[in-house]
Amino acid sequence: MIRILAVALVGVALLGLPAAAQTGSNIVAGQSAGSLRIGASVTDVIAALGSLYESEDSESGKYTLYDWPLKPFAVAVDKESKRVVLVLVGFTDAFSTDKGIAGGSERQAVETAYGKEYTASEGSRSTRIIYDELGIAFDLGRSGTLSSKVTQIFIFVPGQWKAIMEGL
């Protein structure tokens, strides 16, 4: 019985290796989320995350938005350059920034790691704190278990938050 359990656990661990190798666990402001890099081609992103995705053009027509329904990632790709300008890591604690912030981290931890010099945007379900010059933003829940805790992390071209959001 113990041998069967050990074999099963090794099998589960090995199944997780390809996904971990493709995405990694580190998020670096303005640069990357795992192997997904700002400035990468959409071909590179699809190669890393797989072909099970949905895509649609942004309302402005400037970007194509890609979402992998079985993975915690979405990306915005500039239609002209065909390069990634924004990566969203959502609703997971499996990925953390190089400063230790992950899904579920408290607002105070974000402010300690990145500082209190940010722009805040209040929504009905979340508060977004944006470190535009660093190329990173965090959504914080506004109620329940996730109140004041990180729910989503955005990585984007530093200094371009407003331009990217206007293009979506």
Protein backbone atom coordinates (compact mmCIF):
# COMPACT_ATOMS: atom_id res chain seq x y z
CA MET A 1 0.00 0.00 0.00
CA ILE A 2 2.79 2.45 0.92
CA ARG A 3 4.63 1.53 -2.30
CA ILE A 4 1.52 2.27 -4.39
CA LEU A 5 1.09 5.63 -2.65
CA ALA A 6 4.77 6.49 -3.18
CA VAL A 7 4.56 5.59 -6.88
CA ALA A 8 1.38 7.66 -7.23
CA LEU A 9 3.00 10.68 -5.55
CA VAL A 10 6.07 10.43 -7.79
CA GLY A 11 3.78 10.22 -10.83
CA VAL A 12 1.87 13.33 -9.75
CA ALA A 13 5.13 15.18 -9.14
CA LEU A 14 6.43 14.21 -12.58
CA LEU A 15 3.21 15.34 -14.24
CA GLY A 16 3.74 18.78 -12.75
CA LEU A 17 7.27 19.12 -14.12
CA PRO A 18 6.39 20.15 -17.68
CA ALA A 19 4.07 22.92 -16.48
CA ALA A 20 6.60 24.18 -13.96
CA ALA A 21 9.34 24.13 -16.57
CA GLN A 22 7.19 26.09 -18.99
CA THR A 23 6.13 28.83 -16.64
CA GLY A 24 8.52 28.95 -13.70
CA SER A 25 7.48 30.53 -10.43
CA ASN A 26 9.12 33.95 -10.42
CA ILE A 27 7.57 37.23 -11.45
CA VAL A 28 9.89 40.15 -12.18
CA ALA A 29 8.36 43.64 -12.46
CA GLY A 30 8.42 44.98 -16.00
CA GLN A 31 10.11 41.85 -17.33
CA SER A 32 8.49 38.47 -16.90
CA ALA A 33 6.13 36.05 -15.23
CA GLY A 34 7.87 32.70 -15.29
CA SER A 35 8.97 32.12 -18.87
CA LEU A 36 6.46 34.67 -20.22
CA ARG A 37 8.46 37.77 -21.08
CA ILE A 38 7.33 41.28 -21.88
CA GLY A 39 8.30 41.84 -25.53
CA ALA A 40 8.08 38.13 -26.41
CA SER A 41 6.27 37.02 -29.53
CA VAL A 42 2.83 35.47 -29.24
CA THR A 43 4.34 32.35 -30.83
CA ASP A 44 6.72 32.02 -27.87
CA VAL A 45 3.84 32.41 -25.40
CA ILE A 46 1.72 29.77 -27.15
CA ALA A 47 4.73 27.43 -27.24
CA ALA A 48 5.12 27.88 -23.46
CA LEU A 49 1.45 27.64 -22.45
CA GLY A 50 -0.07 25.45 -25.15
CA SER A 51 -2.69 25.76 -27.83
CA LEU A 52 -5.73 25.54 -25.55
CA TYR A 53 -6.49 29.26 -25.41
CA GLU A 54 -9.11 31.82 -26.35
CA SER A 55 -8.34 35.08 -28.09
CA GLU A 56 -10.18 38.24 -29.02
CA ASP A 57 -9.35 41.75 -30.13
CA SER A 58 -9.53 44.54 -27.57
CA GLU A 59 -12.35 47.06 -27.98
CA SER A 60 -9.91 49.60 -29.42
CA GLY A 61 -8.50 47.05 -31.86
CA LYS A 62 -4.95 47.83 -30.71
CA TYR A 63 -4.35 44.55 -28.88
CA THR A 64 -5.21 40.88 -29.14
CA LEU A 65 -6.05 39.38 -25.76
CA TYR A 66 -5.17 35.74 -25.09
CA ASP A 67 -6.50 33.69 -22.18
CA TRP A 68 -5.57 30.15 -21.17
CA PRO A 69 -8.65 28.85 -19.30
CA LEU A 70 -6.75 26.05 -17.55
CA LYS A 71 -3.79 28.21 -16.53
CA PRO A 72 -3.57 31.36 -14.42
CA PHE A 73 -2.33 33.51 -17.32
CA ALA A 74 -3.68 36.03 -19.80
CA VAL A 75 -1.65 38.28 -22.09
CA ALA A 76 -2.19 41.37 -24.20
CA VAL A 77 -0.29 41.44 -27.49
CA ASP A 78 0.20 44.58 -29.55
CA LYS A 79 -1.37 43.82 -32.94
CA GLU A 80 1.17 45.89 -34.85
CA SER A 81 4.39 44.56 -33.32
CA LYS A 82 2.94 41.13 -32.36
CA ARG A 83 4.75 41.47 -29.02
CA VAL A 84 3.50 40.92 -25.45
CA VAL A 85 2.89 44.20 -23.60
CA LEU A 86 1.08 42.84 -20.52
CA VAL A 87 0.95 39.54 -18.62
CA LEU A 88 -1.76 38.84 -16.04
CA VAL A 89 -1.20 36.20 -13.36
CA GLY A 90 -4.55 35.64 -11.70
CA PHE A 91 -6.04 33.89 -8.70
CA THR A 92 -3.10 31.69 -7.75
CA ASP A 93 -0.48 31.56 -5.05
CA ALA A 94 1.76 29.32 -7.16
CA PHE A 95 3.70 32.27 -8.57
CA SER A 96 5.51 34.94 -6.60
CA THR A 97 7.45 38.06 -7.41
CA ASP A 98 11.18 38.26 -6.87
CA LYS A 99 10.24 40.25 -3.74
CA GLY A 100 8.07 37.45 -2.33
CA ILE A 101 4.58 38.72 -3.24
CA ALA A 102 2.06 36.09 -4.39
CA GLY A 103 -1.68 35.63 -4.57
CA GLY A 104 -2.98 36.00 -1.01
CA SER A 105 -0.22 38.38 0.12
CA GLU A 106 -1.43 41.27 2.28
CA ARG A 107 -1.44 44.87 1.04
CA GLN A 108 1.08 45.78 3.74
CA ALA A 109 3.50 43.17 2.34
CA VAL A 110 3.14 44.69 -1.14
CA GLU A 111 3.82 48.18 0.22
CA THR A 112 6.81 46.94 2.20
CA ALA A 113 8.24 45.22 -0.88
CA TYR A 114 7.48 47.88 -3.51
CA GLY A 115 6.90 51.06 -1.54
CA LYS A 116 3.96 53.38 -0.98
CA GLU A 117 4.54 55.47 -4.11
CA TYR A 118 1.83 54.06 -6.38
CA THR A 119 -1.38 55.01 -8.11
CA ALA A 120 -4.55 53.41 -6.73
CA SER A 121 -7.74 52.65 -8.60
CA GLU A 122 -10.88 51.57 -6.76
CA GLY A 123 -13.26 49.09 -8.35
CA SER A 124 -16.37 47.42 -6.98
CA ARG A 125 -14.59 44.12 -6.29
CA SER A 126 -10.96 45.15 -6.01
CA THR A 127 -8.48 47.92 -5.42
CA ARG A 128 -5.69 48.10 -7.96
CA ILE A 129 -2.32 49.49 -6.93
CA ILE A 130 -0.08 50.39 -9.86
CA TYR A 131 3.68 50.84 -9.82
CA ASP A 132 3.83 52.23 -13.37
CA GLU A 133 7.55 52.99 -13.50
CA LEU A 134 8.36 49.46 -12.27
CA GLY A 135 5.95 47.73 -14.64
CA ILE A 136 3.88 45.90 -12.02
CA ALA A 137 0.37 46.25 -10.58
CA PHE A 138 -1.63 44.29 -8.01
CA ASP A 139 -5.36 43.77 -7.58
CA LEU A 140 -6.42 43.49 -3.94
CA GLY A 141 -9.75 41.99 -2.95
CA ARG A 142 -12.29 44.31 -1.32
CA SER A 143 -14.41 41.85 0.63
CA GLY A 144 -14.51 38.46 2.28
CA THR A 145 -11.53 36.18 2.64
CA LEU A 146 -9.52 38.05 0.00
CA SER A 147 -10.08 41.51 1.48
CA SER A 148 -6.82 43.51 1.15
CA LYS A 149 -5.07 40.45 -0.31
CA VAL A 150 -3.48 40.09 -3.74
CA THR A 151 -5.79 38.39 -6.23
CA GLN A 152 -4.05 39.29 -9.50
CA ILE A 153 -0.60 40.50 -10.55
CA PHE A 154 0.00 42.42 -13.77
CA ILE A 155 3.41 42.71 -15.44
CA PHE A 156 3.69 45.29 -18.21
CA VAL A 157 6.00 47.56 -20.16
CA PRO A 158 7.29 50.01 -17.51
CA GLY A 159 5.74 53.47 -17.76
CA GLN A 160 3.02 52.29 -20.16
CA TRP A 161 0.14 51.32 -17.84
CA LYS A 162 -2.17 54.15 -18.91
CA ALA A 163 -1.48 53.68 -22.63
CA ILE A 164 -2.05 49.93 -22.40
CA MET A 165 -5.27 50.29 -20.39
CA GLU A 166 -6.60 52.90 -22.83
CA GLY A 167 -5.91 50.46 -25.67
CA LEU A 168 -7.85 47.66 -24.03
